[in-house]
N, C-alpha and C. Protein backbone atom coordinates (compact mmCIF):
# COMPACT_ATOMS: atom_id res chain seq x y z
N MET A 1 26.44 -19.18 -11.91
CA MET A 1 26.01 -17.63 -13.18
C MET A 1 24.73 -17.32 -12.26
N ILE A 2 23.74 -17.70 -11.76
CA ILE A 2 22.79 -16.90 -11.14
C ILE A 2 23.00 -16.42 -10.10
N ASN A 3 23.58 -17.11 -8.80
CA ASN A 3 23.55 -16.87 -7.96
C ASN A 3 24.67 -15.60 -7.86
N ALA A 4 25.64 -15.47 -8.87
CA ALA A 4 26.56 -14.77 -9.05
C ALA A 4 26.12 -13.01 -9.36
N ILE A 5 24.80 -13.16 -10.20
CA ILE A 5 24.36 -12.27 -11.00
C ILE A 5 23.64 -11.72 -9.86
N VAL A 6 22.44 -12.10 -8.90
CA VAL A 6 21.73 -11.85 -7.94
C VAL A 6 22.37 -11.42 -7.03
N ILE A 7 23.75 -11.81 -6.65
CA ILE A 7 24.27 -11.20 -5.62
C ILE A 7 25.27 -10.14 -6.57
N ILE A 8 25.71 -9.62 -7.51
CA ILE A 8 25.99 -8.58 -7.87
C ILE A 8 25.06 -7.63 -8.10
N PHE A 9 24.09 -7.65 -8.27
CA PHE A 9 22.39 -6.61 -8.45
C PHE A 9 22.65 -6.28 -7.06
N LEU A 10 21.85 -7.00 -6.16
CA LEU A 10 21.51 -6.56 -5.08
C LEU A 10 22.69 -5.62 -4.12
N SER A 11 24.22 -6.31 -4.60
CA SER A 11 25.48 -4.96 -3.64
C SER A 11 25.23 -4.01 -4.28
N TYR A 12 25.45 -4.23 -5.83
CA TYR A 12 25.49 -2.93 -6.31
C TYR A 12 24.14 -1.77 -5.74
N LEU A 13 23.28 -2.59 -5.63
CA LEU A 13 21.65 -1.70 -5.04
C LEU A 13 22.08 -0.91 -3.68
N VAL A 14 22.53 -2.25 -3.15
CA VAL A 14 23.14 -1.31 -1.21
C VAL A 14 24.39 -0.42 -1.31
N GLY A 15 25.30 -0.63 -2.41
CA GLY A 15 26.55 0.17 -2.38
C GLY A 15 25.75 1.49 -2.92
N SER A 16 24.62 1.41 -2.94
CA SER A 16 24.20 2.94 -3.68
C SER A 16 23.71 3.86 -3.04
N ILE A 17 23.32 3.28 -1.92
CA ILE A 17 22.73 3.74 -0.68
C ILE A 17 23.36 5.22 -0.44
N PRO A 18 22.88 6.40 -1.20
CA PRO A 18 23.62 8.04 -0.29
C PRO A 18 23.64 8.40 1.13
N GLY A 19 24.49 6.98 1.84
CA GLY A 19 24.16 7.99 2.87
C GLY A 19 24.75 9.52 3.12
N SER A 20 26.17 9.91 2.75
CA SER A 20 26.26 11.14 3.32
C SER A 20 24.86 12.09 2.47
N LEU A 21 24.73 11.93 1.11
CA LEU A 21 23.80 12.70 0.38
C LEU A 21 22.21 12.67 1.52
N TRP A 22 21.82 11.72 1.90
CA TRP A 22 20.51 11.88 2.83
C TRP A 22 21.10 12.18 4.19
N VAL A 23 22.05 11.76 4.85
CA VAL A 23 22.37 12.46 6.37
C VAL A 23 22.37 14.09 5.87
N GLY A 24 22.98 14.86 4.71
CA GLY A 24 22.70 16.01 4.50
C GLY A 24 21.28 16.20 4.23
N ARG A 25 20.86 15.86 3.61
CA ARG A 25 19.37 16.64 3.34
C ARG A 25 18.54 16.13 4.49
N VAL A 26 18.42 15.06 5.11
CA VAL A 26 17.42 14.87 6.31
C VAL A 26 17.60 15.19 7.21
N LEU A 27 19.17 15.26 7.47
CA LEU A 27 19.65 15.96 9.28
C LEU A 27 19.30 17.85 8.73
N TYR A 28 20.36 18.16 7.72
CA TYR A 28 20.31 19.80 7.77
C TYR A 28 20.23 20.38 6.74
N GLY A 29 19.28 19.88 5.67
CA GLY A 29 19.09 20.28 4.49
C GLY A 29 20.06 20.37 3.60
N VAL A 30 20.79 20.26 3.62
CA VAL A 30 21.95 20.40 2.63
C VAL A 30 22.87 19.20 2.14
N ASP A 31 22.77 19.55 0.54
CA ASP A 31 23.56 18.33 -0.45
C ASP A 31 24.97 18.90 -0.23
N VAL A 32 25.42 18.00 0.43
CA VAL A 32 27.42 17.77 0.35
C VAL A 32 27.60 18.22 -1.03
N ARG A 33 27.10 18.06 -1.87
CA ARG A 33 27.62 17.48 -3.24
C ARG A 33 27.31 19.21 -3.44
N GLU A 34 27.25 20.01 -3.07
CA GLU A 34 27.18 21.56 -3.56
C GLU A 34 28.04 22.37 -2.74
N HIS A 35 28.75 21.76 -1.98
CA HIS A 35 29.69 22.23 -0.84
C HIS A 35 30.95 21.79 -0.83
N GLY A 36 31.92 22.38 -0.42
CA GLY A 36 33.29 21.66 -0.55
C GLY A 36 33.97 21.15 -1.46
N SER A 37 34.53 19.86 -1.31
CA SER A 37 35.00 19.29 -2.35
C SER A 37 34.27 19.13 -3.71
N GLY A 38 32.52 18.61 -3.23
CA GLY A 38 31.54 18.64 -4.26
C GLY A 38 31.50 16.75 -4.00
N ASN A 39 32.54 16.25 -2.99
CA ASN A 39 32.32 14.76 -3.21
C ASN A 39 31.14 14.44 -2.48
N MET A 40 30.79 13.42 -2.88
CA MET A 40 29.32 12.86 -2.20
C MET A 40 30.32 11.65 -0.85
N GLY A 41 31.39 12.20 -0.16
CA GLY A 41 31.61 10.76 0.92
C GLY A 41 32.11 11.74 2.39
N ALA A 42 32.63 10.50 2.69
CA ALA A 42 32.22 11.11 4.61
C ALA A 42 33.64 12.12 4.66
N THR A 43 34.51 11.93 4.39
CA THR A 43 35.84 13.43 4.04
C THR A 43 34.85 14.38 4.22
N ASN A 44 34.40 14.93 2.66
CA ASN A 44 33.45 15.85 2.45
C ASN A 44 32.36 16.43 3.67
N THR A 45 31.58 15.34 3.73
CA THR A 45 30.62 15.65 4.85
C THR A 45 31.07 15.99 6.59
N PHE A 46 32.48 15.16 6.53
CA PHE A 46 32.86 15.88 7.83
C PHE A 46 33.77 17.47 7.82
N ARG A 47 33.90 18.05 6.58
CA ARG A 47 34.18 19.12 6.10
C ARG A 47 33.28 20.16 6.52
N VAL A 48 32.00 19.80 6.03
CA VAL A 48 31.09 20.50 5.51
C VAL A 48 29.43 20.45 6.77
N LEU A 49 29.77 19.40 7.30
CA LEU A 49 28.40 19.17 8.07
C LEU A 49 28.88 19.20 9.53
N GLY A 50 30.45 18.86 9.51
CA GLY A 50 30.66 18.61 10.91
C GLY A 50 31.14 16.92 11.44
N TRP A 51 31.11 16.61 12.76
CA TRP A 51 31.93 15.21 12.74
C TRP A 51 30.91 14.44 12.91
N LYS A 52 30.11 15.23 13.57
CA LYS A 52 28.37 14.05 13.70
C LYS A 52 27.74 13.28 12.65
N ALA A 53 28.04 13.88 11.41
CA ALA A 53 27.16 13.62 10.21
C ALA A 53 28.43 12.71 9.45
N GLY A 54 29.73 13.34 9.87
CA GLY A 54 30.52 12.95 8.90
C GLY A 54 30.83 11.44 9.57
N LEU A 55 30.64 10.89 10.97
CA LEU A 55 30.75 9.42 11.59
C LEU A 55 29.84 8.79 10.91
N LEU A 56 28.25 9.27 11.47
CA LEU A 56 26.69 8.73 10.56
C LEU A 56 27.17 7.92 9.47
N SER A 57 27.84 9.01 8.51
CA SER A 57 28.30 8.91 6.85
C SER A 57 29.15 7.37 6.89
N THR A 58 30.24 7.77 7.46
CA THR A 58 31.06 6.68 7.50
C THR A 58 30.46 5.28 8.34
N VAL A 59 29.44 5.24 9.19
CA VAL A 59 28.96 4.33 9.89
C VAL A 59 28.20 3.31 8.75
N VAL A 60 27.69 4.03 7.57
CA VAL A 60 26.61 3.83 6.68
C VAL A 60 27.61 3.28 5.60
N ASP A 61 28.19 3.79 5.53
CA ASP A 61 29.63 3.30 4.09
C ASP A 61 29.89 1.99 4.66
N LEU A 62 30.75 2.13 5.76
CA LEU A 62 31.44 0.74 6.27
C LEU A 62 30.12 -0.44 6.29
N GLY A 63 29.02 0.23 6.83
CA GLY A 63 27.73 -0.88 6.53
C GLY A 63 27.28 -1.55 5.45
N LYS A 64 27.78 -0.83 4.49
CA LYS A 64 27.30 -1.03 2.87
C LYS A 64 28.44 -2.49 2.17
N GLY A 65 29.60 -2.06 2.96
CA GLY A 65 30.31 -3.23 2.53
C GLY A 65 30.54 -4.54 3.37
N LEU A 66 30.22 -4.07 4.50
CA LEU A 66 29.60 -5.67 5.14
C LEU A 66 28.35 -6.21 5.42
N LEU A 67 27.62 -5.30 4.88
CA LEU A 67 26.46 -6.15 4.33
C LEU A 67 26.43 -6.86 2.87
N ALA A 68 27.56 -6.30 2.37
CA ALA A 68 27.71 -7.28 0.80
C ALA A 68 28.44 -8.20 0.75
N ALA A 69 29.53 -7.77 1.78
CA ALA A 69 30.50 -9.39 1.58
C ALA A 69 29.97 -10.02 2.98
N GLY A 70 29.22 -9.00 3.48
CA GLY A 70 28.86 -10.43 4.93
C GLY A 70 27.94 -11.38 4.75
N VAL A 71 26.82 -10.85 4.17
CA VAL A 71 25.41 -11.35 4.07
C VAL A 71 24.91 -11.50 2.63
N ILE A 72 24.85 -10.79 1.44
CA ILE A 72 24.43 -10.84 0.28
C ILE A 72 25.12 -11.70 0.18
N ALA A 73 26.92 -12.01 0.07
CA ALA A 73 27.41 -12.83 -0.59
C ALA A 73 26.99 -14.16 0.00
N THR A 74 26.34 -14.67 0.92
CA THR A 74 25.90 -15.94 0.99
C THR A 74 24.93 -16.55 0.55
N ILE A 75 23.64 -15.88 -0.09
CA ILE A 75 22.46 -16.11 -0.86
C ILE A 75 22.78 -16.76 -2.27
N ARG A 76 22.04 -17.51 -2.08
CA ARG A 76 22.11 -19.10 -3.21
C ARG A 76 20.96 -19.14 -3.68
N VAL A 77 20.43 -18.47 -4.87
CA VAL A 77 19.36 -19.12 -5.37
C VAL A 77 19.42 -20.15 -6.25
N THR A 78 20.58 -21.06 -6.57
CA THR A 78 20.50 -22.23 -7.29
C THR A 78 21.58 -22.81 -6.54
N PRO A 79 21.73 -23.96 -6.71
CA PRO A 79 22.56 -24.82 -5.71
C PRO A 79 24.23 -24.74 -6.63
N SER A 80 23.66 -24.49 -7.83
CA SER A 80 25.29 -24.31 -8.59
C SER A 80 26.13 -23.05 -8.20
N VAL A 81 27.40 -23.57 -7.76
CA VAL A 81 28.06 -22.33 -7.24
C VAL A 81 29.30 -22.00 -8.74
N ILE A 82 29.90 -20.94 -8.60
CA ILE A 82 31.00 -20.74 -9.39
C ILE A 82 32.48 -21.74 -9.13
N GLU A 83 32.76 -22.49 -10.11
CA GLU A 83 33.85 -23.39 -10.36
C GLU A 83 34.68 -23.28 -10.59
N LEU A 84 36.27 -22.69 -10.37
CA LEU A 84 37.25 -22.03 -11.07
C LEU A 84 38.27 -22.69 -10.03
N PRO A 85 39.81 -22.83 -11.13
CA PRO A 85 40.62 -23.44 -9.91
C PRO A 85 41.26 -22.90 -9.22
N PHE A 86 41.62 -23.62 -7.87
CA PHE A 86 42.45 -22.82 -6.61
C PHE A 86 41.81 -21.72 -6.02
N TRP A 87 40.66 -21.36 -6.70
CA TRP A 87 39.77 -20.14 -5.91
C TRP A 87 38.60 -20.71 -5.20
N ASN A 88 38.58 -20.53 -3.87
CA ASN A 88 37.34 -20.74 -2.83
C ASN A 88 36.22 -19.72 -3.48
N PRO A 89 35.23 -21.08 -3.79
CA PRO A 89 33.89 -20.08 -4.77
C PRO A 89 33.28 -19.30 -3.19
N ASP A 90 33.32 -19.31 -1.91
CA ASP A 90 32.72 -18.65 -1.31
C ASP A 90 33.16 -17.09 -1.11
N VAL A 91 34.94 -17.56 -1.17
CA VAL A 91 35.21 -16.24 -0.83
C VAL A 91 35.35 -15.14 -2.17
N LEU A 92 35.05 -16.03 -3.17
CA LEU A 92 34.94 -15.25 -4.84
C LEU A 92 33.69 -14.59 -4.89
N TYR A 93 32.42 -15.04 -4.05
CA TYR A 93 31.23 -14.27 -4.21
C TYR A 93 31.50 -13.21 -3.43
N GLN A 94 32.00 -13.27 -2.14
CA GLN A 94 32.04 -12.25 -1.64
C GLN A 94 33.06 -11.31 -2.00
N MET A 95 33.65 -11.21 -2.56
CA MET A 95 34.59 -10.53 -3.60
C MET A 95 34.18 -9.53 -4.73
N LEU A 96 33.03 -10.44 -5.40
CA LEU A 96 32.22 -10.00 -6.31
C LEU A 96 31.43 -9.07 -5.77
N ALA A 97 30.91 -9.51 -4.23
CA ALA A 97 29.90 -8.45 -3.87
C ALA A 97 30.57 -7.28 -3.70
N GLY A 98 31.53 -7.51 -3.35
CA GLY A 98 32.41 -6.24 -2.34
C GLY A 98 32.60 -5.36 -3.77
N ALA A 99 33.29 -6.04 -4.53
CA ALA A 99 32.89 -4.71 -5.67
C ALA A 99 31.91 -3.95 -6.31
N ALA A 100 30.98 -4.95 -6.25
CA ALA A 100 29.88 -4.09 -6.58
C ALA A 100 29.28 -3.36 -5.78
N ALA A 101 29.65 -3.57 -4.36
CA ALA A 101 28.90 -2.42 -3.75
C ALA A 101 30.06 -1.38 -3.61
N VAL A 102 31.39 -1.77 -3.85
CA VAL A 102 32.15 -0.28 -4.23
C VAL A 102 31.52 0.85 -5.68
N PHE A 103 30.99 -0.28 -6.37
CA PHE A 103 31.03 0.15 -7.89
C PHE A 103 29.71 1.35 -7.51
N GLY A 104 28.87 0.79 -6.53
CA GLY A 104 27.36 1.45 -6.61
C GLY A 104 27.61 2.95 -5.57
N HIS A 105 28.79 2.56 -4.88
CA HIS A 105 28.72 3.81 -3.99
C HIS A 105 29.73 4.79 -5.01
N MET A 106 30.11 4.08 -5.50
CA MET A 106 31.00 5.34 -6.58
C MET A 106 30.13 6.07 -7.64
N PHE A 107 28.99 5.17 -7.91
CA PHE A 107 27.86 5.39 -9.34
C PHE A 107 26.97 5.49 -9.00
N PRO A 108 26.33 5.60 -7.77
CA PRO A 108 24.90 5.44 -7.01
C PRO A 108 23.72 5.57 -8.40
N VAL A 109 22.90 4.45 -8.05
CA VAL A 109 21.52 4.55 -9.12
C VAL A 109 20.64 5.36 -8.22
N TRP A 110 21.02 5.39 -6.62
CA TRP A 110 19.93 6.13 -5.82
C TRP A 110 20.49 7.91 -5.84
N ALA A 111 21.70 8.03 -6.54
CA ALA A 111 22.20 9.65 -6.59
C ALA A 111 22.60 10.12 -7.79
N GLY A 112 21.75 9.90 -8.76
CA GLY A 112 21.95 10.63 -10.30
C GLY A 112 23.71 9.59 -10.97
N PHE A 113 24.25 8.65 -10.29
CA PHE A 113 25.27 7.68 -10.57
C PHE A 113 26.56 9.23 -9.89
N ARG A 114 26.33 9.93 -9.42
CA ARG A 114 27.47 11.11 -8.87
C ARG A 114 27.77 10.33 -7.39
N GLY A 115 29.05 9.84 -6.91
CA GLY A 115 29.14 9.12 -5.63
C GLY A 115 30.17 9.53 -4.98
N GLY A 116 30.57 8.69 -4.14
CA GLY A 116 31.94 8.88 -3.50
C GLY A 116 32.61 8.39 -3.83
N LYS A 117 33.91 8.28 -3.32
CA LYS A 117 35.47 6.97 -3.81
C LYS A 117 35.62 5.92 -3.58
N GLY A 118 34.65 5.40 -2.09
CA GLY A 118 34.85 4.05 -2.57
C GLY A 118 35.30 3.67 -1.13
N MET A 119 36.60 4.37 -0.49
CA MET A 119 36.78 3.83 0.88
C MET A 119 36.84 3.08 2.04
N ASN A 120 35.72 3.95 2.74
CA ASN A 120 34.99 4.02 3.69
C ASN A 120 33.89 1.93 3.26
N THR A 121 33.61 2.30 2.10
CA THR A 121 32.58 0.83 1.44
C THR A 121 33.65 -0.26 1.43
N SER A 122 34.97 -0.05 0.74
CA SER A 122 35.57 -0.82 0.79
C SER A 122 36.45 -1.34 2.00
N ALA A 123 36.48 -0.65 2.89
CA ALA A 123 37.00 -0.92 4.44
C ALA A 123 36.05 -2.06 4.64
N GLY A 124 34.77 -1.62 4.43
CA GLY A 124 33.71 -2.83 5.18
C GLY A 124 33.93 -3.95 4.42
N VAL A 125 34.13 -4.16 3.21
CA VAL A 125 34.08 -5.36 2.26
C VAL A 125 35.21 -6.08 2.78
N LEU A 126 36.16 -5.33 3.08
CA LEU A 126 37.69 -6.23 3.41
C LEU A 126 37.49 -6.38 4.48
N PHE A 127 36.92 -5.94 5.57
CA PHE A 127 37.08 -6.35 7.13
C PHE A 127 36.11 -7.84 7.11
N ALA A 128 35.38 -7.76 6.85
CA ALA A 128 33.94 -9.09 6.29
C ALA A 128 34.91 -9.79 5.77
N ILE A 129 35.82 -9.85 4.99
CA ILE A 129 36.74 -10.85 4.29
C ILE A 129 37.59 -11.21 5.33
N THR A 130 38.14 -10.66 5.64
CA THR A 130 39.95 -10.99 6.36
C THR A 130 40.28 -9.48 7.13
N PRO A 131 40.00 -9.84 8.31
CA PRO A 131 39.83 -8.61 9.17
C PRO A 131 41.27 -8.36 9.70
N TRP A 132 42.07 -9.43 9.60
CA TRP A 132 43.63 -9.29 10.43
C TRP A 132 44.39 -8.05 9.07
N SER A 133 44.21 -8.41 7.84
CA SER A 133 44.78 -7.38 6.73
C SER A 133 44.37 -6.10 6.81
N MET A 134 42.94 -6.59 7.15
CA MET A 134 42.16 -4.36 6.95
C MET A 134 42.93 -3.91 8.32
N TRP A 135 42.94 -4.64 9.35
CA TRP A 135 43.91 -3.97 10.40
C TRP A 135 44.97 -3.39 10.13
N ILE A 136 45.78 -3.84 9.56
CA ILE A 136 46.78 -3.70 9.21
C ILE A 136 46.71 -2.65 8.21
N THR A 137 46.08 -2.78 7.28
CA THR A 137 45.44 -1.48 6.16
C THR A 137 45.80 -0.46 7.03
N VAL A 138 44.41 -0.33 7.77
CA VAL A 138 44.70 0.41 8.68
C VAL A 138 44.97 1.70 9.76
N SER A 139 46.06 0.73 10.41
CA SER A 139 46.88 1.11 10.73
C SER A 139 47.92 1.77 10.10
N VAL A 140 48.27 1.62 8.53
CA VAL A 140 48.90 2.42 7.79
C VAL A 140 48.07 3.57 7.48
N PHE A 141 46.90 3.84 6.91
CA PHE A 141 46.09 4.85 6.79
C PHE A 141 46.27 5.77 8.02
N VAL A 142 46.18 5.70 9.14
CA VAL A 142 46.61 6.30 10.17
C VAL A 142 47.82 6.58 10.54
N ILE A 143 48.36 5.96 10.56
CA ILE A 143 50.03 6.54 10.28
C ILE A 143 50.34 7.57 9.38
N VAL A 144 49.95 7.33 8.09
CA VAL A 144 50.55 7.94 6.98
C VAL A 144 49.30 9.02 7.17
N LEU A 145 48.34 9.76 7.63
CA LEU A 145 47.25 10.60 7.58
C LEU A 145 47.63 11.27 9.04
N VAL A 146 48.29 10.94 10.37
CA VAL A 146 48.53 11.57 11.25
C VAL A 146 50.32 12.21 10.70
N CYS A 147 50.69 11.75 10.03
CA CYS A 147 52.06 12.12 9.67
C CYS A 147 52.14 13.27 8.71
N THR A 148 51.32 13.17 7.64
CA THR A 148 50.98 14.32 6.17
C THR A 148 49.77 14.93 6.86
N ARG A 149 48.85 14.38 7.39
CA ARG A 149 47.52 15.35 7.34
C ARG A 149 46.72 15.32 6.04
N TYR A 150 47.08 14.33 5.33
CA TYR A 150 46.61 14.02 4.07
C TYR A 150 45.31 12.90 3.61
N VAL A 151 44.34 13.06 3.69
CA VAL A 151 43.29 12.37 3.81
C VAL A 151 43.34 11.34 2.86
N SER A 152 43.38 12.05 1.45
CA SER A 152 43.66 11.34 0.46
C SER A 152 45.06 10.36 0.11
N LEU A 153 46.22 10.69 0.75
CA LEU A 153 47.26 9.98 0.87
C LEU A 153 47.37 8.79 1.70
N GLY A 154 46.91 9.19 2.48
CA GLY A 154 46.51 8.22 3.78
C GLY A 154 45.10 6.77 3.24
N SER A 155 44.54 7.47 2.10
CA SER A 155 43.91 6.46 1.62
C SER A 155 44.46 5.79 0.28
N LEU A 156 45.03 6.42 -0.02
CA LEU A 156 46.18 5.97 -1.16
C LEU A 156 47.22 4.84 -0.94
N ALA A 157 47.53 5.11 0.19
CA ALA A 157 48.39 4.13 0.92
C ALA A 157 47.07 2.99 1.16
N ALA A 158 46.29 3.02 1.86
CA ALA A 158 45.96 1.84 2.23
C ALA A 158 45.25 0.64 1.31
N ALA A 159 44.84 1.51 0.13
CA ALA A 159 44.68 1.15 -1.22
C ALA A 159 45.69 -0.07 -1.64
N ILE A 160 47.19 0.39 -1.56
CA ILE A 160 47.98 -0.04 -1.98
C ILE A 160 48.49 -1.17 -1.02
N THR A 161 48.27 -0.96 0.43
CA THR A 161 48.78 -1.89 1.77
C THR A 161 47.89 -2.80 1.68
N PHE A 162 46.59 -3.15 1.23
CA PHE A 162 45.79 -4.43 1.60
C PHE A 162 46.31 -5.38 0.76
N PRO A 163 46.49 -5.02 -0.80
CA PRO A 163 46.81 -5.80 -1.49
C PRO A 163 47.91 -6.80 -1.26
N VAL A 164 48.98 -5.82 -0.89
CA VAL A 164 50.50 -6.49 -0.24
C VAL A 164 50.40 -7.10 0.71
N THR A 165 49.71 -6.52 1.88
CA THR A 165 49.46 -7.67 3.06
C THR A 165 48.88 -8.78 2.53
N VAL A 166 48.21 -8.77 1.74
CA VAL A 166 46.96 -10.06 1.71
C VAL A 166 48.50 -11.20 0.84
N ALA A 167 49.02 -10.89 0.08
CA ALA A 167 50.07 -11.47 -0.66
C ALA A 167 51.36 -11.60 -0.21
N ILE A 168 51.54 -10.63 0.75
CA ILE A 168 52.88 -11.63 2.28
C ILE A 168 52.92 -12.61 2.91
N ARG A 169 51.07 -12.60 3.33
CA ARG A 169 50.65 -12.99 4.68
C ARG A 169 49.92 -14.17 3.59
N LYS A 170 49.59 -14.55 2.23
CA LYS A 170 49.45 -15.88 1.70
C LYS A 170 50.77 -16.45 1.29
N TYR A 171 51.73 -15.88 0.62
CA TYR A 171 52.76 -16.33 0.21
C TYR A 171 54.09 -16.20 0.81
N VAL A 172 54.69 -15.95 1.43
CA VAL A 172 55.51 -15.26 2.17
C VAL A 172 55.25 -16.26 3.79
N PHE A 173 54.28 -16.13 4.43
CA PHE A 173 53.93 -16.44 5.54
C PHE A 173 52.92 -17.87 5.66
N GLY A 174 52.61 -18.24 4.02
CA GLY A 174 51.64 -19.53 4.23
C GLY A 174 50.50 -19.80 4.75
N ILE A 175 49.58 -18.77 4.44
CA ILE A 175 48.23 -18.40 5.52
C ILE A 175 47.49 -18.98 4.18
N ASP A 176 46.90 -19.95 4.48
CA ASP A 176 46.26 -20.96 2.83
C ASP A 176 44.77 -19.83 3.26
N ARG A 177 44.33 -19.64 4.03
CA ARG A 177 42.85 -19.57 3.82
C ARG A 177 42.88 -18.51 3.26
N LEU A 178 44.00 -17.41 2.94
CA LEU A 178 43.63 -16.00 2.11
C LEU A 178 43.76 -16.97 0.73
N ASP A 179 42.44 -16.81 0.04
CA ASP A 179 41.91 -17.43 -1.08
C ASP A 179 42.87 -16.36 -2.41
N ALA A 180 42.97 -16.99 -3.52
CA ALA A 180 43.92 -16.22 -4.38
C ALA A 180 42.75 -15.27 -5.13
N SER A 181 41.60 -15.30 -4.81
CA SER A 181 40.78 -14.72 -5.27
C SER A 181 40.61 -13.06 -4.52
N ILE A 182 41.07 -13.04 -3.57
CA ILE A 182 40.77 -12.19 -2.51
C ILE A 182 42.24 -11.21 -3.25
N LEU A 183 43.11 -11.37 -3.60
CA LEU A 183 44.35 -10.50 -4.44
C LEU A 183 43.98 -10.56 -5.09
N VAL A 184 43.49 -11.51 -6.36
CA VAL A 184 43.07 -10.98 -7.52
C VAL A 184 42.53 -9.47 -7.28
N LEU A 185 41.15 -9.78 -6.75
CA LEU A 185 39.98 -8.66 -6.79
C LEU A 185 40.30 -7.75 -6.35
N SER A 186 41.02 -7.59 -5.28
CA SER A 186 41.33 -6.53 -4.01
C SER A 186 42.49 -5.29 -5.26
N LEU A 187 43.16 -5.87 -5.76
CA LEU A 187 43.54 -5.08 -6.82
C LEU A 187 43.01 -4.65 -7.19
N ILE A 188 41.69 -5.26 -7.97
CA ILE A 188 40.98 -4.41 -8.80
C ILE A 188 40.37 -3.37 -8.55
N ILE A 189 40.23 -3.39 -6.95
CA ILE A 189 39.80 -2.55 -6.31
C ILE A 189 40.47 -1.22 -5.81
N ALA A 190 41.32 -2.01 -5.82
CA ALA A 190 42.57 -0.96 -5.52
C ALA A 190 42.63 0.00 -6.55
N ALA A 191 42.87 -0.44 -8.01
CA ALA A 191 42.95 0.06 -9.04
C ALA A 191 41.46 1.16 -9.34
N GLY A 192 40.31 0.50 -9.08
CA GLY A 192 39.16 1.47 -8.92
C GLY A 192 39.44 2.98 -7.68
N LEU A 193 40.01 2.81 -6.70
CA LEU A 193 39.72 3.81 -5.58
C LEU A 193 41.16 4.63 -6.22
N ILE A 194 42.34 3.99 -6.91
CA ILE A 194 43.45 5.23 -6.96
C ILE A 194 42.71 5.90 -8.40
N TYR A 195 41.93 5.35 -8.91
CA TYR A 195 41.64 6.16 -10.82
C TYR A 195 40.36 6.87 -9.68
N ALA A 196 39.62 6.99 -8.65
CA ALA A 196 38.71 7.73 -8.51
C ALA A 196 39.43 8.86 -7.59
N HIS A 197 40.68 8.61 -6.99
CA HIS A 197 41.34 9.78 -6.34
C HIS A 197 42.26 10.67 -7.44
N ARG A 198 41.89 10.31 -8.59
CA ARG A 198 42.98 10.97 -9.70
C ARG A 198 43.37 12.27 -9.48
N ALA A 199 42.18 13.03 -9.29
CA ALA A 199 42.32 14.45 -8.99
C ALA A 199 43.06 14.96 -7.64
N ASN A 200 42.66 13.99 -6.74
CA ASN A 200 43.78 14.49 -5.60
C ASN A 200 45.45 14.15 -6.25
N ILE A 201 45.64 12.99 -6.27
CA ILE A 201 46.85 12.74 -6.85
C ILE A 201 47.66 13.75 -7.38
N ARG A 202 46.68 14.58 -8.43
CA ARG A 202 47.20 16.04 -9.16
C ARG A 202 47.38 16.95 -8.45
N ARG A 203 46.40 17.09 -7.29
CA ARG A 203 46.58 18.28 -6.33
C ARG A 203 47.63 17.84 -5.66
N LEU A 204 48.15 16.55 -4.71
CA LEU A 204 49.34 16.33 -4.07
C LEU A 204 50.42 16.66 -4.92
N VAL A 205 50.80 16.54 -6.21
CA VAL A 205 51.43 15.90 -7.02
C VAL A 205 52.14 17.88 -6.79
N MET A 206 51.16 18.82 -7.32
CA MET A 206 50.80 19.99 -7.38
C MET A 206 51.11 20.83 -6.23
N GLY A 207 51.07 20.17 -4.68
CA GLY A 207 51.34 20.85 -3.52
C GLY A 207 50.25 21.51 -3.15
N LYS A 208 49.00 21.39 -3.74
CA LYS A 208 47.34 21.66 -3.63
C LYS A 208 46.73 21.69 -2.91
N GLU A 209 46.93 20.24 -2.48
CA GLU A 209 45.93 19.24 -1.72
C GLU A 209 45.53 19.92 -0.32
N ASN A 210 44.56 19.82 -0.01
CA ASN A 210 43.86 20.54 1.61
C ASN A 210 44.50 19.28 2.56
N ARG A 211 45.07 19.62 3.42
CA ARG A 211 45.57 19.50 4.89
C ARG A 211 44.09 18.97 6.15
N ILE A 212 44.32 18.48 6.64
CA ILE A 212 43.66 18.36 8.06
C ILE A 212 44.29 19.52 9.11
N ARG A 213 43.71 20.32 9.64
CA ARG A 213 44.44 21.51 10.07
C ARG A 213 44.68 20.73 11.31
N THR A 214 43.34 20.07 11.87
CA THR A 214 43.54 19.61 13.15
C THR A 214 42.94 18.44 13.28
N PHE A 215 43.25 17.76 14.45
CA PHE A 215 42.39 16.60 14.51
C PHE A 215 41.12 16.51 15.77
N ARG A 216 40.89 17.42 15.99
CA ARG A 216 39.97 17.63 17.31
C ARG A 216 38.47 18.08 16.38
N PRO A 217 37.30 17.68 17.18
CA PRO A 217 35.97 17.26 16.41
C PRO A 217 35.47 18.45 15.16
N ALA A 218 35.53 18.40 14.32
CA ALA A 218 35.14 19.30 13.45
C ALA A 218 33.54 19.65 13.40
N ARG A 219 33.37 21.15 13.44
CA ARG A 219 32.12 21.46 13.55
C ARG A 219 31.71 21.40 12.29
N GLY A 220 32.30 21.60 11.09
CA GLY A 220 31.77 21.75 9.68
C GLY A 220 31.63 23.03 9.50
N MET A 221 31.54 23.40 7.70
CA MET A 221 30.74 24.81 7.37
C MET A 221 29.74 25.19 7.97
N ALA A 222 28.82 24.04 8.23
CA ALA A 222 27.38 23.92 8.44
C ALA A 222 27.67 25.00 9.67
N GLY A 223 28.19 24.23 10.92
CA GLY A 223 28.10 24.65 12.07
C GLY A 223 29.34 26.27 12.50
N ARG A 224 29.81 26.56 11.16
CA ARG A 224 30.17 27.58 11.65
C ARG A 224 30.01 28.61 10.75
N GLY A 225 28.31 28.60 10.21
CA GLY A 225 27.87 29.07 9.27
C GLY A 225 28.56 30.10 8.10
N GLU A 226 29.02 28.95 7.88
CA GLU A 226 29.69 29.22 6.53
C GLU A 226 28.69 28.64 5.24
N LEU A 227 27.74 28.33 5.25
CA LEU A 227 26.66 27.70 4.42
C LEU A 227 25.74 28.85 3.85
């Protein structure tokens, strides 16, 4: 239990690192939460500050998930580990670390608990755990994005695709290394991501959600002198 507490605590702190907020303030003197959609995520950073800031924010957010699930999850303060029937404790620690990092991104202690929606951090977590399932998920995201030009719809499709992919690979194709804890906790993460996108879902239903106008590198509102 002590191992789990330490891992969850450290992962939450790492997940709380507000990459978009710090990139905007340090490099541009802009608080991205005061412009665009008001969200502290990479998508709004692309919109407000342009592709360079958006790419940097994306790398930071992905890195938080990779660090939590790939490194922090391996910390063992005591020799004892969580023992649950049919669940691999190492994978379970990775998923707990990942869930804490995503929660930290959405409710960051370093930024007044006003964070982003957690898609990139979730992607980093799941890439660290099962990269093949994530490549399938990313492919679905790209296809939906290109076909509809809705980032939010692509994100929602990806959130649903990952646990479905894990379930099919494990229970249909018999890939035993995919532990059941991945499916259970990825469903929890997916539910959290869908909840975080509830405003986007309402706008999609009403036909008011913003679409990407072009896939060319964005200059952002700052680059166009709109701030």
